[in-house]
Amino acid sequence: MSDWKRKPQEVPFESLLSEMVAAINKHIEQYNLGPILSDSIMCVQTDSVKAKKGLFSRDETVYTGAMITPRWLVWGTSGIKIETTVLSAQLIDILVQDYAQTEFVKMIPDSGINVTGKFTDVSEKSTVFIGLGEGATGDKFKETVIKAVQDVKK
């Protein structure tokens, strides 16, 4: 069982946390990506809460907003202990795998996707985990992203 309780919900881009919307728009402008969000297929916000461990610790909450378009995957994370960060990748440049199908799930149980490839602002190939949680919305986003990546490579 995961240390994180994840609650994904499908939302319009504008309904993501305001600082995340601002950070994503700044990322798009900074890297001159153009109107990449104009043909969004699906957008989700996942609220992830890590239960406290210890007498004096507090629950930790991390917010993830992710959007898939026919050509792009864009996602950001935000929280009290972390600065809002945004990553993006063209679907043609990435591989997406259901985290449940990886070897890592045996060591660190969780639900989401692993994204491997070339990201807009990183020169080397990288792998990033996007936590989505169990349930219909997380599964729908996972399937939508995997299908979109497959479709762009046909």
N, C-alpha and C. Protein backbone atom coordinates (compact mmCIF):
# COMPACT_ATOMS: atom_id res chain seq x y z
N MET A 1 0.83 -1.19 0.00
CA MET A 1 0.00 0.00 0.00
C MET A 1 0.88 1.25 0.00
N SER A 2 0.49 2.22 -0.77
CA SER A 2 1.25 3.46 -0.91
C SER A 2 1.23 4.29 0.36
N ASP A 3 2.31 5.03 0.58
CA ASP A 3 2.35 6.00 1.68
C ASP A 3 1.46 7.20 1.38
N TRP A 4 1.05 7.33 0.13
CA TRP A 4 0.27 8.48 -0.32
C TRP A 4 -1.19 8.10 -0.55
N LYS A 5 -2.09 8.96 -0.12
CA LYS A 5 -3.50 8.84 -0.49
C LYS A 5 -3.72 9.86 -1.59
N ARG A 6 -4.06 9.37 -2.78
CA ARG A 6 -4.20 10.24 -3.93
C ARG A 6 -5.66 10.34 -4.34
N LYS A 7 -6.07 11.57 -4.63
CA LYS A 7 -7.44 11.82 -5.07
C LYS A 7 -7.40 12.60 -6.38
N PRO A 8 -7.51 11.90 -7.52
CA PRO A 8 -7.52 12.61 -8.80
C PRO A 8 -8.94 13.05 -9.16
N GLN A 9 -9.01 14.18 -9.84
CA GLN A 9 -10.31 14.63 -10.36
C GLN A 9 -10.08 15.32 -11.69
N GLU A 10 -11.00 15.07 -12.62
CA GLU A 10 -10.92 15.71 -13.92
C GLU A 10 -11.44 17.13 -13.78
N VAL A 11 -10.65 18.09 -14.27
CA VAL A 11 -11.01 19.51 -14.15
C VAL A 11 -10.62 20.25 -15.42
N PRO A 12 -11.26 21.39 -15.69
CA PRO A 12 -10.75 22.25 -16.77
C PRO A 12 -9.42 22.86 -16.32
N PHE A 13 -8.56 23.15 -17.28
CA PHE A 13 -7.24 23.70 -16.98
C PHE A 13 -7.34 24.90 -16.04
N GLU A 14 -8.28 25.79 -16.29
CA GLU A 14 -8.42 27.01 -15.51
C GLU A 14 -8.79 26.74 -14.05
N SER A 15 -9.26 25.52 -13.74
CA SER A 15 -9.65 25.18 -12.38
C SER A 15 -8.52 24.57 -11.56
N LEU A 16 -7.36 24.36 -12.17
CA LEU A 16 -6.21 23.93 -11.38
C LEU A 16 -5.86 25.02 -10.38
N LEU A 17 -5.04 24.72 -9.39
CA LEU A 17 -4.60 25.75 -8.45
C LEU A 17 -4.06 26.95 -9.22
N SER A 18 -4.38 28.14 -8.76
CA SER A 18 -4.00 29.35 -9.51
C SER A 18 -2.49 29.46 -9.71
N GLU A 19 -1.70 29.07 -8.70
CA GLU A 19 -0.24 29.15 -8.87
C GLU A 19 0.25 28.13 -9.89
N MET A 20 -0.46 27.00 -10.03
CA MET A 20 -0.08 26.01 -11.03
C MET A 20 -0.42 26.49 -12.44
N VAL A 21 -1.60 27.08 -12.60
CA VAL A 21 -1.99 27.65 -13.90
C VAL A 21 -0.96 28.70 -14.31
N ALA A 22 -0.60 29.57 -13.38
CA ALA A 22 0.39 30.62 -13.68
C ALA A 22 1.74 30.02 -14.05
N ALA A 23 2.17 29.00 -13.30
CA ALA A 23 3.47 28.38 -13.57
C ALA A 23 3.48 27.66 -14.92
N ILE A 24 2.38 26.99 -15.26
CA ILE A 24 2.30 26.31 -16.55
C ILE A 24 2.32 27.33 -17.69
N ASN A 25 1.55 28.40 -17.54
CA ASN A 25 1.56 29.45 -18.57
C ASN A 25 2.94 30.08 -18.71
N LYS A 26 3.63 30.30 -17.60
CA LYS A 26 4.99 30.86 -17.64
C LYS A 26 5.95 29.89 -18.34
N HIS A 27 5.82 28.60 -18.05
CA HIS A 27 6.66 27.57 -18.68
C HIS A 27 6.45 27.58 -20.20
N ILE A 28 5.19 27.63 -20.61
CA ILE A 28 4.87 27.64 -22.04
C ILE A 28 5.47 28.88 -22.71
N GLU A 29 5.35 30.01 -22.05
CA GLU A 29 5.92 31.25 -22.60
C GLU A 29 7.44 31.20 -22.61
N GLN A 30 8.04 30.75 -21.50
CA GLN A 30 9.50 30.71 -21.38
C GLN A 30 10.14 29.85 -22.47
N TYR A 31 9.51 28.74 -22.80
CA TYR A 31 10.07 27.84 -23.80
C TYR A 31 9.44 28.01 -25.18
N ASN A 32 8.66 29.08 -25.33
CA ASN A 32 8.08 29.46 -26.62
C ASN A 32 7.36 28.28 -27.28
N LEU A 33 6.46 27.64 -26.50
CA LEU A 33 5.78 26.44 -26.98
C LEU A 33 4.50 26.74 -27.76
N GLY A 34 4.07 27.99 -27.74
CA GLY A 34 2.88 28.35 -28.50
C GLY A 34 1.59 27.90 -27.81
N PRO A 35 0.50 27.81 -28.57
CA PRO A 35 -0.81 27.49 -27.98
C PRO A 35 -1.01 25.98 -27.79
N ILE A 36 -0.10 25.33 -27.06
CA ILE A 36 -0.13 23.87 -26.96
C ILE A 36 -1.32 23.34 -26.15
N LEU A 37 -1.96 24.18 -25.36
CA LEU A 37 -3.08 23.71 -24.54
C LEU A 37 -4.44 23.93 -25.20
N SER A 38 -4.44 24.47 -26.42
CA SER A 38 -5.69 24.83 -27.07
C SER A 38 -6.55 23.62 -27.46
N ASP A 39 -5.94 22.46 -27.60
CA ASP A 39 -6.71 21.28 -27.99
C ASP A 39 -6.59 20.17 -26.94
N SER A 40 -6.79 20.55 -25.70
CA SER A 40 -6.68 19.63 -24.58
C SER A 40 -7.63 18.44 -24.72
N ILE A 41 -7.11 17.26 -24.43
CA ILE A 41 -7.92 16.04 -24.42
C ILE A 41 -8.48 15.82 -23.01
N MET A 42 -7.62 16.00 -22.00
CA MET A 42 -8.03 15.77 -20.62
C MET A 42 -7.07 16.48 -19.68
N CYS A 43 -7.62 16.98 -18.58
CA CYS A 43 -6.82 17.64 -17.55
C CYS A 43 -7.26 17.09 -16.19
N VAL A 44 -6.30 16.75 -15.35
CA VAL A 44 -6.61 16.25 -14.01
C VAL A 44 -5.80 17.00 -12.96
N GLN A 45 -6.37 17.08 -11.78
CA GLN A 45 -5.64 17.54 -10.61
C GLN A 45 -5.68 16.41 -9.60
N THR A 46 -4.52 16.01 -9.12
CA THR A 46 -4.43 14.97 -8.11
C THR A 46 -3.91 15.59 -6.82
N ASP A 47 -4.70 15.46 -5.77
CA ASP A 47 -4.29 15.90 -4.44
C ASP A 47 -3.74 14.68 -3.72
N SER A 48 -2.46 14.73 -3.36
CA SER A 48 -1.79 13.59 -2.74
C SER A 48 -1.41 13.97 -1.31
N VAL A 49 -1.87 13.16 -0.37
CA VAL A 49 -1.59 13.42 1.05
C VAL A 49 -0.76 12.27 1.59
N LYS A 50 0.39 12.62 2.15
CA LYS A 50 1.25 11.63 2.78
C LYS A 50 1.02 11.74 4.28
N ALA A 51 0.53 10.65 4.86
CA ALA A 51 0.21 10.66 6.29
C ALA A 51 1.46 10.90 7.12
N LYS A 52 1.27 11.58 8.22
CA LYS A 52 2.40 11.90 9.08
C LYS A 52 2.97 10.62 9.69
N LYS A 53 4.26 10.65 9.89
CA LYS A 53 4.96 9.53 10.52
C LYS A 53 5.77 10.10 11.67
N GLY A 54 5.29 9.94 12.85
CA GLY A 54 6.00 10.46 14.00
C GLY A 54 5.13 11.43 14.78
N LEU A 55 5.49 11.64 15.98
CA LEU A 55 4.70 12.43 16.91
C LEU A 55 4.56 13.90 16.50
N PHE A 56 5.63 14.48 16.01
CA PHE A 56 5.62 15.92 15.74
C PHE A 56 5.53 16.26 14.26
N SER A 57 5.35 15.28 13.42
CA SER A 57 5.27 15.57 11.99
C SER A 57 3.84 15.90 11.59
N ARG A 58 3.69 16.53 10.44
CA ARG A 58 2.39 16.90 9.89
C ARG A 58 2.16 16.15 8.59
N ASP A 59 0.88 16.03 8.23
CA ASP A 59 0.57 15.49 6.91
C ASP A 59 1.20 16.40 5.86
N GLU A 60 1.66 15.79 4.79
CA GLU A 60 2.24 16.54 3.67
C GLU A 60 1.30 16.41 2.48
N THR A 61 0.97 17.53 1.85
CA THR A 61 0.10 17.50 0.69
C THR A 61 0.85 18.03 -0.54
N VAL A 62 0.76 17.27 -1.63
CA VAL A 62 1.34 17.68 -2.90
C VAL A 62 0.22 17.68 -3.93
N TYR A 63 0.17 18.73 -4.74
CA TYR A 63 -0.84 18.87 -5.77
C TYR A 63 -0.16 18.69 -7.13
N THR A 64 -0.78 17.88 -7.97
CA THR A 64 -0.26 17.67 -9.32
C THR A 64 -1.37 18.00 -10.30
N GLY A 65 -1.04 18.82 -11.28
CA GLY A 65 -1.96 19.11 -12.38
C GLY A 65 -1.33 18.59 -13.66
N ALA A 66 -2.08 17.83 -14.44
CA ALA A 66 -1.53 17.26 -15.67
C ALA A 66 -2.54 17.38 -16.80
N MET A 67 -2.03 17.72 -17.98
CA MET A 67 -2.89 17.88 -19.15
C MET A 67 -2.27 17.15 -20.33
N ILE A 68 -3.15 16.45 -21.06
CA ILE A 68 -2.72 15.77 -22.27
C ILE A 68 -3.41 16.41 -23.47
N THR A 69 -2.64 16.64 -24.52
CA THR A 69 -3.17 17.13 -25.80
C THR A 69 -2.75 16.10 -26.86
N PRO A 70 -3.17 16.25 -28.09
CA PRO A 70 -2.75 15.29 -29.11
C PRO A 70 -1.23 15.25 -29.35
N ARG A 71 -0.51 16.30 -28.93
CA ARG A 71 0.94 16.34 -29.16
C ARG A 71 1.78 16.54 -27.91
N TRP A 72 1.18 16.95 -26.79
CA TRP A 72 1.94 17.34 -25.60
C TRP A 72 1.38 16.73 -24.32
N LEU A 73 2.29 16.48 -23.37
CA LEU A 73 1.95 16.19 -21.99
C LEU A 73 2.60 17.30 -21.17
N VAL A 74 1.79 17.97 -20.37
CA VAL A 74 2.28 19.06 -19.53
C VAL A 74 1.80 18.79 -18.11
N TRP A 75 2.71 18.91 -17.13
CA TRP A 75 2.29 18.69 -15.75
C TRP A 75 3.11 19.55 -14.80
N GLY A 76 2.48 19.84 -13.68
CA GLY A 76 3.13 20.64 -12.65
C GLY A 76 2.84 20.06 -11.28
N THR A 77 3.72 20.36 -10.34
CA THR A 77 3.52 19.95 -8.96
C THR A 77 3.70 21.15 -8.06
N SER A 78 2.99 21.12 -6.95
CA SER A 78 3.01 22.23 -6.01
C SER A 78 2.72 21.68 -4.62
N GLY A 79 3.24 22.35 -3.62
CA GLY A 79 2.97 21.94 -2.24
C GLY A 79 3.61 22.89 -1.27
N ILE A 80 3.34 22.70 0.01
CA ILE A 80 3.90 23.57 1.04
C ILE A 80 5.41 23.42 1.11
N LYS A 81 5.89 22.19 1.00
CA LYS A 81 7.32 21.94 1.15
C LYS A 81 8.09 21.99 -0.18
N ILE A 82 7.38 22.15 -1.30
CA ILE A 82 8.05 22.16 -2.59
C ILE A 82 7.62 23.36 -3.42
N GLU A 83 8.55 23.88 -4.17
CA GLU A 83 8.27 24.99 -5.08
C GLU A 83 7.47 24.45 -6.27
N THR A 84 6.58 25.25 -6.79
CA THR A 84 5.80 24.83 -7.96
C THR A 84 6.75 24.63 -9.13
N THR A 85 6.69 23.45 -9.73
CA THR A 85 7.54 23.13 -10.88
C THR A 85 6.67 22.59 -12.00
N VAL A 86 7.13 22.82 -13.22
CA VAL A 86 6.38 22.39 -14.41
C VAL A 86 7.34 21.69 -15.36
N LEU A 87 6.86 20.61 -15.94
CA LEU A 87 7.58 19.91 -16.99
C LEU A 87 6.64 19.70 -18.17
N SER A 88 7.21 19.56 -19.35
CA SER A 88 6.42 19.28 -20.54
C SER A 88 7.24 18.41 -21.47
N ALA A 89 6.53 17.70 -22.32
CA ALA A 89 7.21 16.86 -23.30
C ALA A 89 6.30 16.65 -24.50
N GLN A 90 6.91 16.62 -25.67
CA GLN A 90 6.16 16.24 -26.86
C GLN A 90 5.96 14.72 -26.79
N LEU A 91 4.79 14.26 -27.12
CA LEU A 91 4.47 12.84 -27.02
C LEU A 91 5.39 11.98 -27.87
N ILE A 92 5.84 12.51 -28.98
CA ILE A 92 6.73 11.78 -29.88
C ILE A 92 8.07 11.46 -29.20
N ASP A 93 8.44 12.24 -28.17
CA ASP A 93 9.74 12.10 -27.51
C ASP A 93 9.70 11.29 -26.22
N ILE A 94 8.54 10.72 -25.87
CA ILE A 94 8.44 10.02 -24.59
C ILE A 94 7.84 8.62 -24.72
N LEU A 95 8.09 7.83 -23.70
CA LEU A 95 7.42 6.55 -23.49
C LEU A 95 6.67 6.69 -22.18
N VAL A 96 5.48 6.14 -22.12
CA VAL A 96 4.67 6.21 -20.90
C VAL A 96 4.31 4.79 -20.50
N GLN A 97 4.53 4.49 -19.24
CA GLN A 97 4.25 3.15 -18.73
C GLN A 97 3.40 3.24 -17.47
N ASP A 98 2.43 2.36 -17.36
CA ASP A 98 1.64 2.23 -16.14
C ASP A 98 2.60 1.82 -15.03
N TYR A 99 2.66 2.60 -13.96
CA TYR A 99 3.59 2.32 -12.87
C TYR A 99 3.37 0.92 -12.30
N ALA A 100 2.13 0.44 -12.30
CA ALA A 100 1.82 -0.89 -11.77
C ALA A 100 2.53 -1.99 -12.55
N GLN A 101 2.98 -1.70 -13.78
CA GLN A 101 3.66 -2.68 -14.62
C GLN A 101 5.18 -2.62 -14.48
N THR A 102 5.68 -1.76 -13.60
CA THR A 102 7.13 -1.63 -13.43
C THR A 102 7.61 -2.48 -12.26
N GLU A 103 8.91 -2.70 -12.19
CA GLU A 103 9.52 -3.42 -11.07
C GLU A 103 9.48 -2.60 -9.78
N PHE A 104 9.43 -1.28 -9.91
CA PHE A 104 9.47 -0.40 -8.74
C PHE A 104 8.25 -0.58 -7.84
N VAL A 105 7.13 -0.99 -8.42
CA VAL A 105 5.89 -1.11 -7.64
C VAL A 105 6.04 -2.14 -6.51
N LYS A 106 6.95 -3.10 -6.67
CA LYS A 106 7.19 -4.09 -5.62
C LYS A 106 7.88 -3.46 -4.42
N MET A 107 8.73 -2.47 -4.67
CA MET A 107 9.46 -1.80 -3.58
C MET A 107 8.67 -0.64 -3.01
N ILE A 108 8.03 0.13 -3.90
CA ILE A 108 7.27 1.31 -3.49
C ILE A 108 5.90 1.24 -4.15
N PRO A 109 4.92 0.65 -3.48
CA PRO A 109 3.59 0.56 -4.07
C PRO A 109 2.98 1.95 -4.30
N ASP A 110 2.37 2.13 -5.47
CA ASP A 110 1.72 3.40 -5.79
C ASP A 110 0.94 3.21 -7.08
N SER A 111 0.29 4.26 -7.52
CA SER A 111 -0.49 4.21 -8.75
C SER A 111 -0.25 5.49 -9.54
N GLY A 112 0.06 5.31 -10.82
CA GLY A 112 0.32 6.46 -11.68
C GLY A 112 1.01 6.02 -12.94
N ILE A 113 1.79 6.93 -13.53
CA ILE A 113 2.53 6.62 -14.75
C ILE A 113 3.99 7.04 -14.61
N ASN A 114 4.86 6.30 -15.29
CA ASN A 114 6.25 6.70 -15.46
C ASN A 114 6.37 7.29 -16.86
N VAL A 115 6.95 8.46 -16.94
CA VAL A 115 7.18 9.13 -18.22
C VAL A 115 8.69 9.17 -18.44
N THR A 116 9.14 8.56 -19.52
CA THR A 116 10.58 8.49 -19.83
C THR A 116 10.82 9.11 -21.19
N GLY A 117 11.83 9.95 -21.26
CA GLY A 117 12.18 10.54 -22.55
C GLY A 117 12.80 11.90 -22.39
N LYS A 118 12.64 12.70 -23.44
CA LYS A 118 13.23 14.04 -23.50
C LYS A 118 12.14 15.06 -23.14
N PHE A 119 12.41 15.84 -22.11
CA PHE A 119 11.49 16.87 -21.68
C PHE A 119 11.95 18.22 -22.24
N THR A 120 11.02 19.15 -22.30
CA THR A 120 11.29 20.45 -22.92
C THR A 120 12.54 21.13 -22.35
N ASP A 121 12.69 21.12 -21.04
CA ASP A 121 13.77 21.90 -20.43
C ASP A 121 14.92 21.06 -19.89
N VAL A 122 15.01 19.80 -20.31
CA VAL A 122 16.08 18.92 -19.84
C VAL A 122 16.80 18.36 -21.06
N SER A 123 18.12 18.44 -21.08
CA SER A 123 18.85 18.00 -22.26
C SER A 123 19.03 16.49 -22.31
N GLU A 124 19.01 15.83 -21.15
CA GLU A 124 19.20 14.38 -21.12
C GLU A 124 17.87 13.67 -20.93
N LYS A 125 17.85 12.42 -21.37
CA LYS A 125 16.67 11.58 -21.16
C LYS A 125 16.45 11.38 -19.66
N SER A 126 15.20 11.47 -19.23
CA SER A 126 14.88 11.33 -17.81
C SER A 126 13.62 10.50 -17.64
N THR A 127 13.38 10.07 -16.41
CA THR A 127 12.14 9.39 -16.06
C THR A 127 11.51 10.12 -14.89
N VAL A 128 10.21 10.38 -14.99
CA VAL A 128 9.46 11.07 -13.95
C VAL A 128 8.21 10.26 -13.65
N PHE A 129 7.87 10.19 -12.38
CA PHE A 129 6.64 9.53 -11.94
C PHE A 129 5.56 10.58 -11.73
N ILE A 130 4.37 10.32 -12.27
CA ILE A 130 3.21 11.19 -12.02
C ILE A 130 2.19 10.35 -11.26
N GLY A 131 1.98 10.68 -10.00
CA GLY A 131 1.04 9.95 -9.17
C GLY A 131 -0.39 10.30 -9.53
N LEU A 132 -1.22 9.27 -9.72
CA LEU A 132 -2.60 9.49 -10.14
C LEU A 132 -3.62 8.88 -9.18
N GLY A 133 -3.23 7.89 -8.44
CA GLY A 133 -4.17 7.25 -7.53
C GLY A 133 -5.01 6.21 -8.23
N GLU A 134 -5.67 5.42 -7.43
CA GLU A 134 -6.55 4.35 -7.92
C GLU A 134 -7.91 4.94 -8.26
N GLY A 135 -8.65 4.28 -9.10
CA GLY A 135 -10.01 4.72 -9.40
C GLY A 135 -10.20 5.15 -10.83
N ALA A 136 -11.45 5.48 -11.14
CA ALA A 136 -11.87 5.75 -12.51
C ALA A 136 -11.12 6.92 -13.15
N THR A 137 -10.99 8.04 -12.45
CA THR A 137 -10.35 9.22 -13.05
C THR A 137 -8.87 8.98 -13.32
N GLY A 138 -8.15 8.43 -12.34
CA GLY A 138 -6.73 8.13 -12.54
C GLY A 138 -6.52 7.13 -13.65
N ASP A 139 -7.37 6.09 -13.69
CA ASP A 139 -7.26 5.08 -14.75
C ASP A 139 -7.56 5.68 -16.12
N LYS A 140 -8.56 6.55 -16.19
CA LYS A 140 -8.93 7.18 -17.46
C LYS A 140 -7.78 8.04 -17.98
N PHE A 141 -7.16 8.84 -17.09
CA PHE A 141 -6.05 9.69 -17.52
C PHE A 141 -4.88 8.83 -17.98
N LYS A 142 -4.56 7.81 -17.20
CA LYS A 142 -3.46 6.90 -17.54
C LYS A 142 -3.68 6.30 -18.93
N GLU A 143 -4.87 5.76 -19.17
CA GLU A 143 -5.18 5.15 -20.46
C GLU A 143 -5.16 6.17 -21.59
N THR A 144 -5.64 7.38 -21.32
CA THR A 144 -5.68 8.43 -22.33
C THR A 144 -4.26 8.83 -22.74
N VAL A 145 -3.37 8.98 -21.76
CA VAL A 145 -1.98 9.36 -22.06
C VAL A 145 -1.27 8.25 -22.84
N ILE A 146 -1.43 7.02 -22.39
CA ILE A 146 -0.76 5.90 -23.07
C ILE A 146 -1.25 5.80 -24.51
N LYS A 147 -2.54 5.92 -24.73
CA LYS A 147 -3.12 5.86 -26.08
C LYS A 147 -2.63 7.02 -26.95
N ALA A 148 -2.59 8.23 -26.39
CA ALA A 148 -2.13 9.41 -27.14
C ALA A 148 -0.69 9.24 -27.58
N VAL A 149 0.17 8.70 -26.71
CA VAL A 149 1.57 8.48 -27.07
C VAL A 149 1.65 7.42 -28.18
N GLN A 150 0.88 6.37 -28.06
CA GLN A 150 0.88 5.34 -29.11
C GLN A 150 0.39 5.91 -30.44
N ASP A 151 -0.68 6.70 -30.40
CA ASP A 151 -1.26 7.27 -31.61
C ASP A 151 -0.30 8.19 -32.35
N VAL A 152 0.45 8.99 -31.62
CA VAL A 152 1.35 9.95 -32.26
C VAL A 152 2.53 9.23 -32.93
N LYS A 153 2.80 8.00 -32.52
CA LYS A 153 3.94 7.26 -33.07
C LYS A 153 3.55 6.32 -34.21
N LYS A 154 2.28 6.34 -34.61
CA LYS A 154 1.83 5.47 -35.72
C LYS A 154 2.26 6.00 -37.05
